[in-house]
Amino acid sequence: MSVATTLVAVPPDPAGAATPTEFARRLRALMLARRRSLDSVARRSKDAGTPISRATVHNLITGGGVPRRETLLGFLRGCGVPPREQIRWLTKLDEVYPDARRGIAPRRAPERRLTV
């Protein structure tokens, strides 16, 4: 099976992505479906007010690292995804990358002092 065949088989939609690799493949499929290049996504994200670099675009579509919400939002805007669809991608990001994996420390209960 060729790479082109594999990419066509992956839908440009977040539904069904259960792992970081699947999520990255769907981001790449989205970029290809929108006929965007790495450079055009980076340029359009800047124009949309949420700039990301070409290298960041590459990391998103190859699964390099753990993406932040702001980074994904820049990518989606760079691909021309409408706000209603952006919400679906952001929701899936939270499912695929739970808070603990995204570097967010769990909240600790405040310490209680005993008074005597």
PDB file of N, CA and C in Angstrom:
ATOM      1  N   MET A   1       0.846  -1.165   0.000  1.00  0.00           N
ATOM      2  CA  MET A   1       0.000   0.000   0.000  1.00  0.00           C
ATOM      3  C   MET A   1       0.899   1.238   0.000  1.00  0.00           C
ATOM      4  N   SER A   2       0.604   2.207  -0.832  1.00  0.00           N
ATOM      5  CA  SER A   2       1.425   3.402  -0.935  1.00  0.00           C
ATOM      6  C   SER A   2       1.043   4.412   0.139  1.00  0.00           C
ATOM      7  N   VAL A   3       1.916   5.393   0.352  1.00  0.00           N
ATOM      8  CA  VAL A   3       1.650   6.449   1.331  1.00  0.00           C
ATOM      9  C   VAL A   3       0.406   7.224   0.924  1.00  0.00           C
ATOM     10  N   ALA A   4       0.252   7.522  -0.370  1.00  0.00           N
ATOM     11  CA  ALA A   4      -0.917   8.263  -0.852  1.00  0.00           C
ATOM     12  C   ALA A   4      -2.205   7.507  -0.548  1.00  0.00           C
ATOM     13  N   THR A   5      -2.210   6.209  -0.720  1.00  0.00           N
ATOM     14  CA  THR A   5      -3.385   5.406  -0.434  1.00  0.00           C
ATOM     15  C   THR A   5      -3.700   5.440   1.050  1.00  0.00           C
ATOM     16  N   THR A   6      -2.676   5.357   1.878  1.00  0.00           N
ATOM     17  CA  THR A   6      -2.863   5.397   3.320  1.00  0.00           C
ATOM     18  C   THR A   6      -3.457   6.730   3.747  1.00  0.00           C
ATOM     19  N   LEU A   7      -2.956   7.822   3.198  1.00  0.00           N
ATOM     20  CA  LEU A   7      -3.438   9.141   3.577  1.00  0.00           C
ATOM     21  C   LEU A   7      -4.875   9.378   3.140  1.00  0.00           C
ATOM     22  N   VAL A   8      -5.240   8.850   1.982  1.00  0.00           N
ATOM     23  CA  VAL A   8      -6.602   9.007   1.499  1.00  0.00           C
ATOM     24  C   VAL A   8      -7.568   8.254   2.411  1.00  0.00           C
ATOM     25  N   ALA A   9      -7.142   7.131   2.942  1.00  0.00           N
ATOM     26  CA  ALA A   9      -7.995   6.315   3.794  1.00  0.00           C
ATOM     27  C   ALA A   9      -8.249   6.970   5.151  1.00  0.00           C
ATOM     28  N   VAL A  10      -7.420   7.914   5.562  1.00  0.00           N
ATOM     29  CA  VAL A  10      -7.583   8.589   6.846  1.00  0.00           C
ATOM     30  C   VAL A  10      -8.491   9.807   6.629  1.00  0.00           C
ATOM     31  N   PRO A  11      -9.607   9.872   7.346  1.00  0.00           N
ATOM     32  CA  PRO A  11     -10.513  11.003   7.154  1.00  0.00           C
ATOM     33  C   PRO A  11      -9.969  12.285   7.786  1.00  0.00           C
ATOM     34  N   PRO A  12     -10.251  13.430   7.175  1.00  0.00           N
ATOM     35  CA  PRO A  12      -9.811  14.712   7.741  1.00  0.00           C
ATOM     36  C   PRO A  12     -10.767  15.179   8.834  1.00  0.00           C
ATOM     37  N   ASP A  13     -11.001  14.322   9.791  1.00  0.00           N
ATOM     38  CA  ASP A  13     -11.988  14.557  10.831  1.00  0.00           C
ATOM     39  C   ASP A  13     -11.452  13.977  12.144  1.00  0.00           C
ATOM     40  N   PRO A  14     -11.687  14.633  13.277  1.00  0.00           N
ATOM     41  CA  PRO A  14     -11.122  14.126  14.530  1.00  0.00           C
ATOM     42  C   PRO A  14     -11.815  12.878  15.083  1.00  0.00           C
ATOM     43  N   ALA A  15     -13.059  12.659  14.703  1.00  0.00           N
ATOM     44  CA  ALA A  15     -13.815  11.529  15.249  1.00  0.00           C
ATOM     45  C   ALA A  15     -13.093  10.219  14.962  1.00  0.00           C
ATOM     46  N   GLY A  16     -12.988   9.396  15.974  1.00  0.00           N
ATOM     47  CA  GLY A  16     -12.377   8.090  15.805  1.00  0.00           C
ATOM     48  C   GLY A  16     -10.898   8.033  16.159  1.00  0.00           C
ATOM     49  N   ALA A  17     -10.239   9.177  16.289  1.00  0.00           N
ATOM     50  CA  ALA A  17      -8.825   9.167  16.674  1.00  0.00           C
ATOM     51  C   ALA A  17      -8.735   8.809  18.155  1.00  0.00           C
ATOM     52  N   ALA A  18      -7.981   7.767  18.455  1.00  0.00           N
ATOM     53  CA  ALA A  18      -7.866   7.311  19.841  1.00  0.00           C
ATOM     54  C   ALA A  18      -6.453   7.430  20.386  1.00  0.00           C
ATOM     55  N   THR A  19      -5.486   7.632  19.495  1.00  0.00           N
ATOM     56  CA  THR A  19      -4.091   7.734  19.926  1.00  0.00           C
ATOM     57  C   THR A  19      -3.475   8.999  19.338  1.00  0.00           C
ATOM     58  N   PRO A  20      -2.362   9.447  19.898  1.00  0.00           N
ATOM     59  CA  PRO A  20      -1.680  10.612  19.330  1.00  0.00           C
ATOM     60  C   PRO A  20      -1.299  10.416  17.861  1.00  0.00           C
ATOM     61  N   THR A  21      -0.900   9.209  17.490  1.00  0.00           N
ATOM     62  CA  THR A  21      -0.529   8.940  16.099  1.00  0.00           C
ATOM     63  C   THR A  21      -1.732   9.092  15.175  1.00  0.00           C
ATOM     64  N   GLU A  22      -2.879   8.546  15.579  1.00  0.00           N
ATOM     65  CA  GLU A  22      -4.090   8.678  14.767  1.00  0.00           C
ATOM     66  C   GLU A  22      -4.518  10.139  14.668  1.00  0.00           C
ATOM     67  N   PHE A  23      -4.403  10.872  15.750  1.00  0.00           N
ATOM     68  CA  PHE A  23      -4.779  12.285  15.756  1.00  0.00           C
ATOM     69  C   PHE A  23      -3.890  13.060  14.778  1.00  0.00           C
ATOM     70  N   ALA A  24      -2.591  12.799  14.822  1.00  0.00           N
ATOM     71  CA  ALA A  24      -1.653  13.471  13.913  1.00  0.00           C
ATOM     72  C   ALA A  24      -1.969  13.128  12.457  1.00  0.00           C
ATOM     73  N   ARG A  25      -2.300  11.884  12.185  1.00  0.00           N
ATOM     74  CA  ARG A  25      -2.653  11.484  10.807  1.00  0.00           C
ATOM     75  C   ARG A  25      -3.894  12.213  10.320  1.00  0.00           C
ATOM     76  N   ARG A  26      -4.844  12.415  11.202  1.00  0.00           N
ATOM     77  CA  ARG A  26      -6.062  13.125  10.823  1.00  0.00           C
ATOM     78  C   ARG A  26      -5.789  14.613  10.607  1.00  0.00           C
ATOM     79  N   LEU A  27      -4.863  15.180  11.369  1.00  0.00           N
ATOM     80  CA  LEU A  27      -4.464  16.570  11.128  1.00  0.00           C
ATOM     81  C   LEU A  27      -3.808  16.710   9.755  1.00  0.00           C
ATOM     82  N   ARG A  28      -2.959  15.742   9.427  1.00  0.00           N
ATOM     83  CA  ARG A  28      -2.315  15.757   8.104  1.00  0.00           C
ATOM     84  C   ARG A  28      -3.351  15.609   6.996  1.00  0.00           C
ATOM     85  N   ALA A  29      -4.312  14.711   7.198  1.00  0.00           N
ATOM     86  CA  ALA A  29      -5.378  14.527   6.208  1.00  0.00           C
ATOM     87  C   ALA A  29      -6.193  15.809   6.048  1.00  0.00           C
ATOM     88  N   LEU A  30      -6.420  16.517   7.149  1.00  0.00           N
ATOM     89  CA  LEU A  30      -7.133  17.794   7.091  1.00  0.00           C
ATOM     90  C   LEU A  30      -6.349  18.805   6.257  1.00  0.00           C
ATOM     91  N   MET A  31      -5.065  18.903   6.530  1.00  0.00           N
ATOM     92  CA  MET A  31      -4.219  19.840   5.792  1.00  0.00           C
ATOM     93  C   MET A  31      -4.222  19.525   4.295  1.00  0.00           C
ATOM     94  N   LEU A  32      -4.132  18.248   3.960  1.00  0.00           N
ATOM     95  CA  LEU A  32      -4.144  17.845   2.548  1.00  0.00           C
ATOM     96  C   LEU A  32      -5.508  18.085   1.909  1.00  0.00           C
ATOM     97  N   ALA A  33      -6.576  17.809   2.639  1.00  0.00           N
ATOM     98  CA  ALA A  33      -7.929  18.017   2.112  1.00  0.00           C
ATOM     99  C   ALA A  33      -8.193  19.496   1.855  1.00  0.00           C
ATOM    100  N   ARG A  34      -7.598  20.358   2.670  1.00  0.00           N
ATOM    101  CA  ARG A  34      -7.759  21.810   2.512  1.00  0.00           C
ATOM    102  C   ARG A  34      -6.753  22.389   1.526  1.00  0.00           C
ATOM    103  N   ARG A  35      -5.927  21.499   0.959  1.00  0.00           N
ATOM    104  CA  ARG A  35      -4.908  21.887  -0.034  1.00  0.00           C
ATOM    105  C   ARG A  35      -3.961  22.957   0.511  1.00  0.00           C
ATOM    106  N   ARG A  36      -3.452  22.680   1.708  1.00  0.00           N
ATOM    107  CA  ARG A  36      -2.529  23.598   2.362  1.00  0.00           C
ATOM    108  C   ARG A  36      -1.155  22.938   2.470  1.00  0.00           C
ATOM    109  N   SER A  37      -0.131  23.762   2.405  1.00  0.00           N
ATOM    110  CA  SER A  37       1.242  23.302   2.626  1.00  0.00           C
ATOM    111  C   SER A  37       1.649  23.710   4.037  1.00  0.00           C
ATOM    112  N   LEU A  38       2.797  23.214   4.476  1.00  0.00           N
ATOM    113  CA  LEU A  38       3.310  23.612   5.792  1.00  0.00           C
ATOM    114  C   LEU A  38       3.447  25.127   5.866  1.00  0.00           C
ATOM    115  N   ASP A  39       4.024  25.711   4.806  1.00  0.00           N
ATOM    116  CA  ASP A  39       4.232  27.162   4.787  1.00  0.00           C
ATOM    117  C   ASP A  39       2.923  27.941   4.788  1.00  0.00           C
ATOM    118  N   SER A  40       1.946  27.478   4.005  1.00  0.00           N
ATOM    119  CA  SER A  40       0.688  28.226   3.939  1.00  0.00           C
ATOM    120  C   SER A  40      -0.080  28.150   5.256  1.00  0.00           C
ATOM    121  N   VAL A  41      -0.026  27.013   5.942  1.00  0.00           N
ATOM    122  CA  VAL A  41      -0.690  26.904   7.249  1.00  0.00           C
ATOM    123  C   VAL A  41      -0.031  27.864   8.234  1.00  0.00           C
ATOM    124  N   ALA A  42       1.291  27.894   8.244  1.00  0.00           N
ATOM    125  CA  ALA A  42       2.005  28.803   9.149  1.00  0.00           C
ATOM    126  C   ALA A  42       1.673  30.256   8.826  1.00  0.00           C
ATOM    127  N   ARG A  43       1.676  30.610   7.563  1.00  0.00           N
ATOM    128  CA  ARG A  43       1.394  31.984   7.145  1.00  0.00           C
ATOM    129  C   ARG A  43      -0.051  32.374   7.491  1.00  0.00           C
ATOM    130  N   ARG A  44      -1.000  31.495   7.199  1.00  0.00           N
ATOM    131  CA  ARG A  44      -2.405  31.787   7.472  1.00  0.00           C
ATOM    132  C   ARG A  44      -2.692  31.821   8.976  1.00  0.00           C
ATOM    133  N   SER A  45      -1.974  31.031   9.755  1.00  0.00           N
ATOM    134  CA  SER A  45      -2.172  31.077  11.211  1.00  0.00           C
ATOM    135  C   SER A  45      -1.745  32.435  11.751  1.00  0.00           C
ATOM    136  N   LYS A  46      -0.690  32.980  11.184  1.00  0.00           N
ATOM    137  CA  LYS A  46      -0.229  34.310  11.587  1.00  0.00           C
ATOM    138  C   LYS A  46      -1.268  35.363  11.218  1.00  0.00           C
ATOM    139  N   ASP A  47      -1.804  35.247   9.996  1.00  0.00           N
ATOM    140  CA  ASP A  47      -2.835  36.186   9.550  1.00  0.00           C
ATOM    141  C   ASP A  47      -4.085  36.109  10.416  1.00  0.00           C
ATOM    142  N   ALA A  48      -4.358  34.926  10.983  1.00  0.00           N
ATOM    143  CA  ALA A  48      -5.540  34.712  11.829  1.00  0.00           C
ATOM    144  C   ALA A  48      -5.307  35.136  13.278  1.00  0.00           C
ATOM    145  N   GLY A  49      -4.080  35.546  13.599  1.00  0.00           N
ATOM    146  CA  GLY A  49      -3.789  36.016  14.952  1.00  0.00           C
ATOM    147  C   GLY A  49      -3.317  34.955  15.923  1.00  0.00           C
ATOM    148  N   THR A  50      -3.082  33.758  15.437  1.00  0.00           N
ATOM    149  CA  THR A  50      -2.575  32.674  16.290  1.00  0.00           C
ATOM    150  C   THR A  50      -1.378  32.037  15.588  1.00  0.00           C
ATOM    151  N   PRO A  51      -0.262  32.767  15.517  1.00  0.00           N
ATOM    152  CA  PRO A  51       0.882  32.304  14.721  1.00  0.00           C
ATOM    153  C   PRO A  51       1.555  31.049  15.268  1.00  0.00           C
ATOM    154  N   ILE A  52       1.844  30.133  14.334  1.00  0.00           N
ATOM    155  CA  ILE A  52       2.672  28.971  14.622  1.00  0.00           C
ATOM    156  C   ILE A  52       3.699  28.860  13.500  1.00  0.00           C
ATOM    157  N   SER A  53       4.797  28.243  13.785  1.00  0.00           N
ATOM    158  CA  SER A  53       5.871  28.131  12.799  1.00  0.00           C
ATOM    159  C   SER A  53       5.649  26.928  11.884  1.00  0.00           C
ATOM    160  N   ARG A  54       6.400  26.916  10.810  1.00  0.00           N
ATOM    161  CA  ARG A  54       6.369  25.787   9.870  1.00  0.00           C
ATOM    162  C   ARG A  54       6.784  24.510  10.595  1.00  0.00           C
ATOM    163  N   ALA A  55       7.795  24.606  11.458  1.00  0.00           N
ATOM    164  CA  ALA A  55       8.258  23.445  12.225  1.00  0.00           C
ATOM    165  C   ALA A  55       7.162  22.926  13.155  1.00  0.00           C
ATOM    166  N   THR A  56       6.393  23.822  13.729  1.00  0.00           N
ATOM    167  CA  THR A  56       5.293  23.414  14.600  1.00  0.00           C
ATOM    168  C   THR A  56       4.215  22.698  13.806  1.00  0.00           C
ATOM    169  N   VAL A  57       3.928  23.198  12.611  1.00  0.00           N
ATOM    170  CA  VAL A  57       2.963  22.522  11.737  1.00  0.00           C
ATOM    171  C   VAL A  57       3.451  21.097  11.466  1.00  0.00           C
ATOM    172  N   HIS A  58       4.720  20.972  11.149  1.00  0.00           N
ATOM    173  CA  HIS A  58       5.302  19.647  10.876  1.00  0.00           C
ATOM    174  C   HIS A  58       5.166  18.733  12.096  1.00  0.00           C
ATOM    175  N   ASN A  59       5.467  19.263  13.273  1.00  0.00           N
ATOM    176  CA  ASN A  59       5.357  18.457  14.492  1.00  0.00           C
ATOM    177  C   ASN A  59       3.924  17.992  14.728  1.00  0.00           C
ATOM    178  N   LEU A  60       2.952  18.848  14.434  1.00  0.00           N
ATOM    179  CA  LEU A  60       1.551  18.478  14.627  1.00  0.00           C
ATOM    180  C   LEU A  60       1.138  17.327  13.719  1.00  0.00           C
ATOM    181  N   ILE A  61       1.534  17.387  12.453  1.00  0.00           N
ATOM    182  CA  ILE A  61       1.070  16.376  11.503  1.00  0.00           C
ATOM    183  C   ILE A  61       1.893  15.088  11.540  1.00  0.00           C
ATOM    184  N   THR A  62       3.007  15.107  12.266  1.00  0.00           N
ATOM    185  CA  THR A  62       3.821  13.893  12.396  1.00  0.00           C
ATOM    186  C   THR A  62       3.770  13.319  13.806  1.00  0.00           C
ATOM    187  N   GLY A  63       3.080  13.985  14.701  1.00  0.00           N
ATOM    188  CA  GLY A  63       2.964  13.486  16.070  1.00  0.00           C
ATOM    189  C   GLY A  63       4.200  13.740  16.903  1.00  0.00           C
ATOM    190  N   GLY A  64       4.980  14.741  16.528  1.00  0.00           N
ATOM    191  CA  GLY A  64       6.191  15.072  17.283  1.00  0.00           C
ATOM    192  C   GLY A  64       5.870  15.940  18.477  1.00  0.00           C
ATOM    193  N   GLY A  65       5.875  15.372  19.634  1.00  0.00           N
ATOM    194  CA  GLY A  65       5.613  16.132  20.850  1.00  0.00           C
ATOM    195  C   GLY A  65       4.141  16.135  21.227  1.00  0.00           C
ATOM    196  N   VAL A  66       3.853  16.826  22.310  1.00  0.00           N
ATOM    197  CA  VAL A  66       2.493  16.940  22.825  1.00  0.00           C
ATOM    198  C   VAL A  66       1.986  18.344  22.514  1.00  0.00           C
ATOM    199  N   PRO A  67       0.976  18.467  21.659  1.00  0.00           N
ATOM    200  CA  PRO A  67       0.509  19.798  21.258  1.00  0.00           C
ATOM    201  C   PRO A  67      -0.240  20.527  22.361  1.00  0.00           C
ATOM    202  N   ARG A  68      -0.114  21.840  22.330  1.00  0.00           N
ATOM    203  CA  ARG A  68      -0.907  22.690  23.224  1.00  0.00           C
ATOM    204  C   ARG A  68      -2.178  23.100  22.489  1.00  0.00           C
ATOM    205  N   ARG A  69      -3.184  23.495  23.242  1.00  0.00           N
ATOM    206  CA  ARG A  69      -4.453  23.920  22.643  1.00  0.00           C
ATOM    207  C   ARG A  69      -4.243  25.109  21.703  1.00  0.00           C
ATOM    208  N   GLU A  70      -3.420  26.075  22.122  1.00  0.00           N
ATOM    209  CA  GLU A  70      -3.183  27.267  21.304  1.00  0.00           C
ATOM    210  C   GLU A  70      -2.515  26.909  19.983  1.00  0.00           C
ATOM    211  N   THR A  71      -1.629  25.925  20.039  1.00  0.00           N
ATOM    212  CA  THR A  71      -0.939  25.471  18.832  1.00  0.00           C
ATOM    213  C   THR A  71      -1.924  24.821  17.871  1.00  0.00           C
ATOM    214  N   LEU A  72      -2.772  23.943  18.388  1.00  0.00           N
ATOM    215  CA  LEU A  72      -3.770  23.299  17.549  1.00  0.00           C
ATOM    216  C   LEU A  72      -4.718  24.335  16.963  1.00  0.00           C
ATOM    217  N   LEU A  73      -5.103  25.307  17.757  1.00  0.00           N
ATOM    218  CA  LEU A  73      -5.996  26.357  17.271  1.00  0.00           C
ATOM    219  C   LEU A  73      -5.342  27.127  16.123  1.00  0.00           C
ATOM    220  N   GLY A  74      -4.061  27.436  16.252  1.00  0.00           N
ATOM    221  CA  GLY A  74      -3.340  28.102  15.166  1.00  0.00           C
ATOM    222  C   GLY A  74      -3.326  27.255  13.908  1.00  0.00           C
ATOM    223  N   PHE A  75      -3.117  25.963  14.065  1.00  0.00           N
ATOM    224  CA  PHE A  75      -3.118  25.041  12.927  1.00  0.00           C
ATOM    225  C   PHE A  75      -4.482  25.027  12.252  1.00  0.00           C
ATOM    226  N   LEU A  76      -5.535  24.890  13.050  1.00  0.00           N
ATOM    227  CA  LEU A  76      -6.885  24.816  12.495  1.00  0.00           C
ATOM    228  C   LEU A  76      -7.257  26.106  11.767  1.00  0.00           C
ATOM    229  N   ARG A  77      -6.912  27.232  12.355  1.00  0.00           N
ATOM    230  CA  ARG A  77      -7.175  28.507  11.687  1.00  0.00           C
ATOM    231  C   ARG A  77      -6.351  28.634  10.417  1.00  0.00           C
ATOM    232  N   GLY A  78      -5.120  28.134  10.458  1.00  0.00           N
ATOM    233  CA  GLY A  78      -4.265  28.154   9.280  1.00  0.00           C
ATOM    234  C   GLY A  78      -4.801  27.280   8.154  1.00  0.00           C
ATOM    235  N   CYS A  79      -5.583  26.263   8.522  1.00  0.00           N
ATOM    236  CA  CYS A  79      -6.214  25.389   7.529  1.00  0.00           C
ATOM    237  C   CYS A  79      -7.581  25.921   7.091  1.00  0.00           C
ATOM    238  N   GLY A  80      -8.038  26.995   7.712  1.00  0.00           N
ATOM    239  CA  GLY A  80      -9.329  27.564   7.345  1.00  0.00           C
ATOM    240  C   GLY A  80     -10.522  26.822   7.915  1.00  0.00           C
ATOM    241  N   VAL A  81     -10.324  26.172   9.056  1.00  0.00           N
ATOM    242  CA  VAL A  81     -11.403  25.417   9.688  1.00  0.00           C
ATOM    243  C   VAL A  81     -12.325  26.390  10.431  1.00  0.00           C
ATOM    244  N   PRO A  82     -13.644  26.327  10.180  1.00  0.00           N
ATOM    245  CA  PRO A  82     -14.583  27.216  10.869  1.00  0.00           C
ATOM    246  C   PRO A  82     -14.635  26.934  12.374  1.00  0.00           C
ATOM    247  N   PRO A  83     -15.006  27.942  13.172  1.00  0.00           N
ATOM    248  CA  PRO A  83     -15.034  27.784  14.636  1.00  0.00           C
ATOM    249  C   PRO A  83     -15.819  26.580  15.145  1.00  0.00           C
ATOM    250  N   ARG A  84     -16.946  26.259  14.556  1.00  0.00           N
ATOM    251  CA  ARG A  84     -17.730  25.106  15.028  1.00  0.00           C
ATOM    252  C   ARG A  84     -16.958  23.806  14.887  1.00  0.00           C
ATOM    253  N   GLU A  85     -16.205  23.673  13.812  1.00  0.00           N
ATOM    254  CA  GLU A  85     -15.397  22.466  13.624  1.00  0.00           C
ATOM    255  C   GLU A  85     -14.170  22.484  14.531  1.00  0.00           C
ATOM    256  N   GLN A  86     -13.651  23.660  14.824  1.00  0.00           N
ATOM    257  CA  GLN A  86     -12.489  23.775  15.712  1.00  0.00           C
ATOM    258  C   GLN A  86     -12.804  23.165  17.076  1.00  0.00           C
ATOM    259  N   ILE A  87     -14.004  23.374  17.546  1.00  0.00           N
ATOM    260  CA  ILE A  87     -14.404  22.847  18.859  1.00  0.00           C
ATOM    261  C   ILE A  87     -14.285  21.328  18.885  1.00  0.00           C
ATOM    262  N   ARG A  88     -14.675  20.666  17.800  1.00  0.00           N
ATOM    263  CA  ARG A  88     -14.579  19.206  17.738  1.00  0.00           C
ATOM    264  C   ARG A  88     -13.133  18.747  17.839  1.00  0.00           C
ATOM    265  N   TRP A  89     -12.222  19.447  17.156  1.00  0.00           N
ATOM    266  CA  TRP A  89     -10.802  19.093  17.196  1.00  0.00           C
ATOM    267  C   TRP A  89     -10.230  19.332  18.596  1.00  0.00           C
ATOM    268  N   LEU A  90     -10.591  20.440  19.223  1.00  0.00           N
ATOM    269  CA  LEU A  90     -10.077  20.741  20.560  1.00  0.00           C
ATOM    270  C   LEU A  90     -10.595  19.732  21.586  1.00  0.00           C
ATOM    271  N   THR A  91     -11.843  19.317  21.436  1.00  0.00           N
ATOM    272  CA  THR A  91     -12.409  18.305  22.329  1.00  0.00           C
ATOM    273  C   THR A  91     -11.661  16.985  22.179  1.00  0.00           C
ATOM    274  N   LYS A  92     -11.375  16.605  20.939  1.00  0.00           N
ATOM    275  CA  LYS A  92     -10.647  15.348  20.693  1.00  0.00           C
ATOM    276  C   LYS A  92      -9.221  15.447  21.229  1.00  0.00           C
ATOM    277  N   LEU A  93      -8.601  16.626  21.125  1.00  0.00           N
ATOM    278  CA  LEU A  93      -7.257  16.821  21.684  1.00  0.00           C
ATOM    279  C   LEU A  93      -7.259  16.481  23.171  1.00  0.00           C
ATOM    280  N   ASP A  94      -8.273  16.965  23.887  1.00  0.00           N
ATOM    281  CA  ASP A  94      -8.364  16.687  25.322  1.00  0.00           C
ATOM    282  C   ASP A  94      -8.571  15.206  25.613  1.00  0.00           C
ATOM    283  N   GLU A  95      -9.243  14.491  24.709  1.00  0.00           N
ATOM    284  CA  GLU A  95      -9.449  13.055  24.899  1.00  0.00           C
ATOM    285  C   GLU A  95      -8.169  12.265  24.622  1.00  0.00           C
ATOM    286  N   VAL A  96      -7.476  12.638  23.562  1.00  0.00           N
ATOM    287  CA  VAL A  96      -6.283  11.897  23.145  1.00  0.00           C
ATOM    288  C   VAL A  96      -5.094  12.207  24.052  1.00  0.00           C
ATOM    289  N   TYR A  97      -5.003  13.440  24.496  1.00  0.00           N
ATOM    290  CA  TYR A  97      -3.914  13.863  25.384  1.00  0.00           C
ATOM    291  C   TYR A  97      -4.519  14.300  26.718  1.00  0.00           C
ATOM    292  N   PRO A  98      -4.715  13.381  27.650  1.00  0.00           N
ATOM    293  CA  PRO A  98      -5.252  13.764  28.958  1.00  0.00           C
ATOM    294  C   PRO A  98      -4.348  14.800  29.640  1.00  0.00           C
ATOM    295  N   ASP A  99      -4.895  15.550  30.542  1.00  0.00           N
ATOM    296  CA  ASP A  99      -4.155  16.636  31.203  1.00  0.00           C
ATOM    297  C   ASP A  99      -2.789  16.214  31.731  1.00  0.00           C
ATOM    298  N   ALA A 100      -2.710  15.043  32.323  1.00  0.00           N
ATOM    299  CA  ALA A 100      -1.435  14.595  32.894  1.00  0.00           C
ATOM    300  C   ALA A 100      -0.360  14.475  31.813  1.00  0.00           C
ATOM    301  N   ARG A 101      -0.740  14.068  30.614  1.00  0.00           N
ATOM    302  CA  ARG A 101       0.230  13.907  29.525  1.00  0.00           C
ATOM    303  C   ARG A 101       0.571  15.232  28.872  1.00  0.00           C
ATOM    304  N   ARG A 102      -0.237  16.261  29.089  1.00  0.00           N
ATOM    305  CA  ARG A 102      -0.010  17.548  28.442  1.00  0.00           C
ATOM    306  C   ARG A 102       0.735  18.509  29.363  1.00  0.00           C
ATOM    307  N   GLY A 103       1.299  17.997  30.444  1.00  0.00           N
ATOM    308  CA  GLY A 103       2.137  18.825  31.292  1.00  0.00           C
ATOM    309  C   GLY A 103       1.383  19.685  32.284  1.00  0.00           C
ATOM    310  N   ILE A 104       0.111  19.432  32.475  1.00  0.00           N
ATOM    311  CA  ILE A 104      -0.656  20.206  33.438  1.00  0.00           C
ATOM    312  C   ILE A 104      -0.642  19.439  34.748  1.00  0.00           C
ATOM    313  N   ALA A 105      -0.097  20.070  35.745  1.00  0.00           N
ATOM    314  CA  ALA A 105       0.003  19.411  37.046  1.00  0.00           C
ATOM    315  C   ALA A 105      -1.370  19.337  37.695  1.00  0.00           C
ATOM    316  N   PRO A 106      -1.684  18.224  38.322  1.00  0.00           N
ATOM    317  CA  PRO A 106      -2.970  18.118  39.006  1.00  0.00           C
ATOM    318  C   PRO A 106      -3.021  19.093  40.166  1.00  0.00           C
ATOM    319  N   ARG A 107      -4.196  19.617  40.444  1.00  0.00           N
ATOM    320  CA  ARG A 107      -4.352  20.553  41.548  1.00  0.00           C
ATOM    321  C   ARG A 107      -4.241  19.809  42.867  1.00  0.00           C
ATOM    322  N   ARG A 108      -3.516  20.410  43.778  1.00  0.00           N
ATOM    323  CA  ARG A 108      -3.358  19.823  45.105  1.00  0.00           C
ATOM    324  C   ARG A 108      -4.298  20.531  46.060  1.00  0.00           C
ATOM    325  N   ALA A 109      -4.827  19.770  46.957  1.00  0.00           N
ATOM    326  CA  ALA A 109      -5.682  20.358  47.985  1.00  0.00           C
ATOM    327  C   ALA A 109      -4.809  21.217  48.903  1.00  0.00           C
ATOM    328  N   PRO A 110      -5.334  22.345  49.354  1.00  0.00           N
ATOM    329  CA  PRO A 110      -4.533  23.185  50.254  1.00  0.00           C
ATOM    330  C   PRO A 110      -4.272  22.460  51.566  1.00  0.00           C
ATOM    331  N   GLU A 111      -3.084  22.715  52.089  1.00  0.00           N
ATOM    332  CA  GLU A 111      -2.706  22.068  53.352  1.00  0.00           C
ATOM    333  C   GLU A 111      -3.465  22.730  54.485  1.00  0.00           C
ATOM    334  N   ARG A 112      -3.854  21.911  55.418  1.00  0.00           N
ATOM    335  CA  ARG A 112      -4.591  22.426  56.573  1.00  0.00           C
ATOM    336  C   ARG A 112      -3.676  22.393  57.784  1.00  0.00           C
ATOM    337  N   ARG A 113      -3.659  23.460  58.478  1.00  0.00           N
ATOM    338  CA  ARG A 113      -2.853  23.520  59.715  1.00  0.00           C
ATOM    339  C   ARG A 113      -3.735  23.192  60.909  1.00  0.00           C
ATOM    340  N   LEU A 114      -3.158  22.431  61.787  1.00  0.00           N
ATOM    341  CA  LEU A 114      -3.868  22.114  63.017  1.00  0.00           C
ATOM    342  C   LEU A 114      -3.607  23.192  64.023  1.00  0.00           C
ATOM    343  N   THR A 115      -4.641  23.676  64.637  1.00  0.00           N
ATOM    344  CA  THR A 115      -4.462  24.664  65.706  1.00  0.00           C
ATOM    345  C   THR A 115      -4.753  23.989  67.033  1.00  0.00           C
ATOM    346  N   VAL A 116      -3.934  24.311  67.984  1.00  0.00           N
ATOM    347  CA  VAL A 116      -4.062  23.670  69.281  1.00  0.00           C
ATOM    348  C   VAL A 116      -4.459  24.692  70.314  1.00  0.00           C
TER     349      VAL A 116
END
